Amino acid sequence: MDMFKNFWASQEQPTQPRPQMSADSWYSSSAVSSPSPSHPSTPTESASSSFGGSRHTDRANTLSNVSPAEAAGIIAILKDKSVDELRKLLSDRDACQNLVHSLEQVKMQNKVRDDLQHETLQLARDNLEREPRIMELRNQCRIIRTTELATAQEKLHNLERKKEEILKYCAPSSLLHRLQDTMSKTDEESEALHAQLLNREIDLSTFVQKYKKLRHTYHKQALIHVAAKISVPS
């Protein structure tokens, strides 16, 4: 309603003839609107004037926020109305509201608002319908987390432990250490076999065959050990 008041107050109608007013009516309106110069203005009158000035400023600010297209549309609607109809719009709030709601821009905004409300309500209904399924899935997730997940985590920990053991067993330093142990064991077997020969526990042909095989294995292991130490950084 203030929007139409702003346009009505700010628009000048140079081509439209002003309504004829009698002298008595002109005098009455002048007497009401113009304070008498012989009486100084009271504080109440000053406050009224100040309030009127602020309302005029507010109207000017509201008018400046209206786009030219909106202003042209409103002017096109109001230009064919009579003075009585315009006065009714200023005085009758229901008539002004009916005119506002008949505007295409307002109809479009109302339709968008209704569509958004409808979509919001539909989404809310859909969410409420899905709530039992959501609760069921939450319960299943809780069961999985407390049972199946715990079992899977235990298996994972076992596999990680085995992985660490395998990596440690296959580490270069571990391989070199086991190869050194094997060499020592083969050398000890060779010495034990030599002791059996000295003690005449085995004959010479058996000793030569077994001792030759043990020493061949020992020297082969020794060569592998030396090559591994050279190729593996310390």
Protein backbone atom coordinates (compact mmCIF):
# COMPACT_ATOMS: atom_id res chain seq x y z
CA MET A 1 0.00 0.00 0.00
CA ASP A 2 2.86 2.40 0.78
CA MET A 3 4.24 1.68 -2.67
CA PHE A 4 1.13 3.06 -4.34
CA LYS A 5 1.14 6.04 -1.97
CA ASN A 6 4.72 6.74 -2.95
CA PHE A 7 3.89 6.65 -6.64
CA TRP A 8 0.76 8.72 -6.13
CA ALA A 9 2.66 11.26 -4.03
CA SER A 10 5.65 11.48 -6.39
CA GLN A 11 3.93 11.41 -9.79
CA GLU A 12 2.79 14.66 -11.33
CA GLN A 13 -0.10 14.56 -13.75
CA PRO A 14 0.35 17.62 -16.01
CA THR A 15 -2.11 16.43 -18.62
CA GLN A 16 -4.88 15.41 -16.24
CA PRO A 17 -7.13 18.32 -15.20
CA ARG A 18 -7.31 18.98 -11.50
CA PRO A 19 -10.74 18.44 -9.92
CA GLN A 20 -12.71 21.60 -9.37
CA MET A 21 -12.89 22.68 -5.77
CA SER A 22 -15.10 25.34 -4.28
CA ALA A 23 -13.76 28.27 -2.43
CA ASP A 24 -15.19 27.00 0.84
CA SER A 25 -13.48 23.64 0.46
CA TRP A 26 -10.21 25.34 -0.54
CA TYR A 27 -10.43 27.61 2.45
CA SER A 28 -11.17 24.73 4.77
CA SER A 29 -8.25 22.69 3.53
CA SER A 30 -5.96 25.71 3.65
CA ALA A 31 -7.07 26.50 7.14
CA VAL A 32 -6.44 22.97 8.26
CA SER A 33 -3.09 22.50 6.52
CA SER A 34 -1.55 25.95 7.14
CA PRO A 35 -0.83 27.02 10.70
CA SER A 36 -1.81 30.55 11.69
CA PRO A 37 1.12 32.97 11.66
CA SER A 38 -0.18 34.67 14.81
CA HIS A 39 0.19 31.50 16.86
CA PRO A 40 3.66 30.03 17.41
CA SER A 41 4.02 26.33 16.78
CA THR A 42 3.70 24.14 19.85
CA PRO A 43 5.99 21.20 20.63
CA THR A 44 3.26 18.84 19.44
CA GLU A 45 3.05 20.66 16.11
CA SER A 46 6.85 20.60 15.78
CA ALA A 47 6.92 16.86 16.47
CA SER A 48 4.18 16.33 13.90
CA SER A 49 6.14 18.32 11.33
CA SER A 50 9.29 16.32 12.10
CA PHE A 51 7.38 13.05 11.81
CA GLY A 52 5.90 14.17 8.52
CA GLY A 53 9.37 15.02 7.22
CA SER A 54 10.73 11.60 8.20
CA ARG A 55 7.78 9.89 6.50
CA HIS A 56 8.49 11.88 3.38
CA THR A 57 12.13 10.74 3.51
CA ASP A 58 11.04 7.12 4.00
CA ARG A 59 8.72 7.38 1.03
CA ALA A 60 11.50 8.81 -1.12
CA ASN A 61 13.82 5.95 -0.09
CA THR A 62 11.12 3.36 -0.85
CA LEU A 63 10.47 4.96 -4.21
CA SER A 64 14.17 4.89 -5.10
CA ASN A 65 14.19 1.08 -4.56
CA VAL A 66 11.55 0.51 -7.25
CA SER A 67 12.95 -0.52 -10.61
CA PRO A 68 11.92 1.41 -13.77
CA ALA A 69 10.15 -1.66 -15.15
CA GLU A 70 8.08 -2.07 -11.98
CA ALA A 71 7.32 1.64 -11.94
CA ALA A 72 6.18 1.54 -15.57
CA GLY A 73 3.94 -1.44 -14.84
CA ILE A 74 2.33 0.23 -11.85
CA ILE A 75 1.85 3.49 -13.73
CA ALA A 76 0.22 1.57 -16.59
CA ILE A 77 -2.25 0.08 -14.13
CA LEU A 78 -2.99 3.33 -12.29
CA LYS A 79 -3.20 5.73 -15.24
CA ASP A 80 -6.65 4.53 -16.33
CA LYS A 81 -8.16 4.82 -12.85
CA SER A 82 -10.24 7.78 -11.83
CA VAL A 83 -9.44 10.14 -9.01
CA ASP A 84 -12.04 8.51 -6.78
CA GLU A 85 -10.56 5.08 -7.41
CA LEU A 86 -7.09 6.35 -6.60
CA ARG A 87 -8.32 7.97 -3.41
CA LYS A 88 -10.01 4.72 -2.47
CA LEU A 89 -6.74 2.88 -2.93
CA LEU A 90 -5.07 5.34 -0.56
CA SER A 91 -7.79 5.09 2.07
CA ASP A 92 -9.10 1.53 1.73
CA ARG A 93 -6.53 -1.07 2.71
CA ASP A 94 -8.56 -4.00 1.35
CA ALA A 95 -8.91 -2.36 -2.06
CA CYS A 96 -5.17 -1.70 -2.16
CA GLN A 97 -4.43 -5.30 -1.16
CA ASN A 98 -6.73 -6.62 -3.88
CA LEU A 99 -4.97 -4.47 -6.46
CA VAL A 100 -1.54 -5.62 -5.26
CA HIS A 101 -2.54 -9.28 -5.42
CA SER A 102 -3.85 -8.81 -8.95
CA LEU A 103 -0.39 -7.78 -10.23
CA GLU A 104 1.43 -10.37 -12.32
CA GLN A 105 4.66 -9.93 -10.37
CA VAL A 106 2.84 -10.61 -7.11
CA LYS A 107 1.01 -13.59 -8.61
CA MET A 108 4.32 -15.00 -9.78
CA GLN A 109 5.93 -14.53 -6.38
CA ASN A 110 2.95 -16.13 -4.66
CA LYS A 111 3.16 -19.09 -7.04
CA VAL A 112 6.87 -19.52 -6.36
CA ARG A 113 6.21 -19.34 -2.63
CA ASP A 114 3.41 -21.92 -2.86
CA ASP A 115 5.60 -24.22 -4.95
CA LEU A 116 8.44 -23.97 -2.44
CA GLN A 117 6.05 -24.67 0.44
CA HIS A 118 4.64 -27.67 -1.41
CA GLU A 119 8.11 -29.03 -2.17
CA THR A 120 9.22 -28.50 1.42
CA LEU A 121 6.19 -30.33 2.76
CA GLN A 122 6.74 -33.16 0.30
CA LEU A 123 10.38 -33.49 1.36
CA ALA A 124 9.31 -33.52 5.00
CA ARG A 125 6.76 -36.28 4.28
CA ASP A 126 9.36 -38.30 2.38
CA ASN A 127 11.81 -37.96 5.27
CA LEU A 128 9.16 -39.10 7.74
CA GLU A 129 8.32 -42.08 5.55
CA ARG A 130 12.01 -43.05 5.35
CA GLU A 131 12.58 -42.70 9.10
CA PRO A 132 11.77 -46.38 9.94
CA ARG A 133 14.16 -47.55 7.23
CA ILE A 134 16.82 -45.15 8.50
CA MET A 135 16.42 -46.48 12.04
CA GLU A 136 16.67 -50.05 10.74
CA LEU A 137 19.87 -49.26 8.85
CA ARG A 138 21.31 -47.58 11.94
CA ASN A 139 20.59 -50.68 13.99
CA GLN A 140 22.22 -52.88 11.35
CA CYS A 141 25.27 -50.63 11.30
CA ARG A 142 25.46 -50.84 15.09
CA ILE A 143 25.30 -54.65 14.97
CA ILE A 144 27.92 -54.80 12.24
CA ARG A 145 30.15 -52.42 14.18
CA THR A 146 29.93 -54.48 17.38
CA THR A 147 30.17 -57.99 15.86
CA GLU A 148 31.36 -58.33 12.27
CA LEU A 149 33.60 -55.31 12.45
CA ALA A 150 35.30 -56.56 15.61
CA THR A 151 35.96 -59.95 13.96
CA ALA A 152 37.28 -58.30 10.81
CA GLN A 153 39.56 -56.05 12.85
CA GLU A 154 40.95 -59.05 14.73
CA LYS A 155 41.68 -60.83 11.43
CA LEU A 156 43.30 -57.69 10.12
CA HIS A 157 45.54 -57.45 13.18
CA ASN A 158 46.58 -61.10 12.76
CA LEU A 159 47.40 -60.53 9.09
CA GLU A 160 49.38 -57.41 9.92
CA ARG A 161 51.34 -59.35 12.55
CA LYS A 162 52.10 -62.12 10.06
CA LYS A 163 53.11 -59.53 7.52
CA GLU A 164 55.56 -58.00 9.99
CA GLU A 165 56.97 -61.44 10.77
CA ILE A 166 57.43 -62.26 7.08
CA LEU A 167 59.07 -58.90 6.38
CA LYS A 168 61.37 -59.40 9.33
CA TYR A 169 62.18 -62.96 8.25
CA CYS A 170 62.92 -61.87 4.66
CA ALA A 171 64.92 -58.82 5.64
CA PRO A 172 68.47 -58.75 4.18
CA SER A 173 70.09 -58.74 7.61
CA SER A 174 67.98 -61.73 8.67
CA LEU A 175 68.86 -63.63 5.51
CA LEU A 176 72.59 -63.00 6.04
CA HIS A 177 72.33 -64.11 9.64
CA ARG A 178 70.58 -67.37 8.74
CA LEU A 179 73.09 -68.01 5.94
CA GLN A 180 75.93 -67.56 8.43
CA ASP A 181 74.26 -70.02 10.80
CA THR A 182 73.90 -72.56 7.99
CA MET A 183 77.60 -72.19 7.12
CA SER A 184 78.57 -72.76 10.75
CA LYS A 185 76.37 -75.83 10.97
CA THR A 186 77.85 -77.30 7.76
CA ASP A 187 81.38 -76.64 9.05
CA GLU A 188 80.56 -78.35 12.33
CA GLU A 189 79.24 -81.38 10.46
CA SER A 190 82.49 -81.53 8.49
CA GLU A 191 84.57 -81.44 11.72
CA ALA A 192 82.38 -84.11 13.27
CA LEU A 193 82.87 -86.31 10.22
CA HIS A 194 86.63 -85.80 10.42
CA ALA A 195 86.54 -86.78 14.09
CA GLN A 196 84.73 -90.01 13.19
CA LEU A 197 87.48 -90.84 10.69
CA LEU A 198 90.17 -90.29 13.28
CA ASN A 199 88.30 -92.47 15.72
CA ARG A 200 87.96 -95.12 13.03
CA GLU A 201 84.16 -94.96 13.26
CA ILE A 202 83.84 -94.80 9.43
CA ASP A 203 85.97 -96.09 6.63
CA LEU A 204 88.00 -93.88 4.31
CA SER A 205 85.81 -94.17 1.21
CA THR A 206 82.66 -93.19 3.10
CA PHE A 207 84.50 -90.28 4.73
CA VAL A 208 85.78 -88.96 1.42
CA GLN A 209 82.36 -89.08 -0.19
CA LYS A 210 80.54 -87.37 2.69
CA TYR A 211 83.33 -84.90 3.47
CA LYS A 212 83.62 -83.82 -0.14
CA LYS A 213 79.88 -83.17 -0.30
CA LEU A 214 79.87 -81.16 2.97
CA ARG A 215 82.83 -79.01 1.95
CA HIS A 216 81.27 -78.34 -1.45
CA THR A 217 78.09 -77.16 0.28
CA TYR A 218 80.07 -75.05 2.75
CA HIS A 219 82.09 -73.21 0.09
CA LYS A 220 78.97 -72.64 -1.98
CA GLN A 221 77.25 -71.08 1.05
CA ALA A 222 80.33 -68.99 1.73
CA LEU A 223 80.37 -67.58 -1.78
CA ILE A 224 76.66 -66.71 -1.53
CA HIS A 225 77.29 -65.04 1.82
CA VAL A 226 80.12 -62.92 0.43
CA ALA A 227 78.08 -61.88 -2.63
CA ALA A 228 75.11 -61.00 -0.43
CA LYS A 229 77.22 -58.84 1.88
CA ILE A 230 78.62 -56.97 -1.14
CA SER A 231 75.21 -56.36 -2.77
CA VAL A 232 73.29 -55.49 0.41
CA PRO A 233 74.14 -52.05 1.81
CA SER A 234 75.14 -52.02 5.42
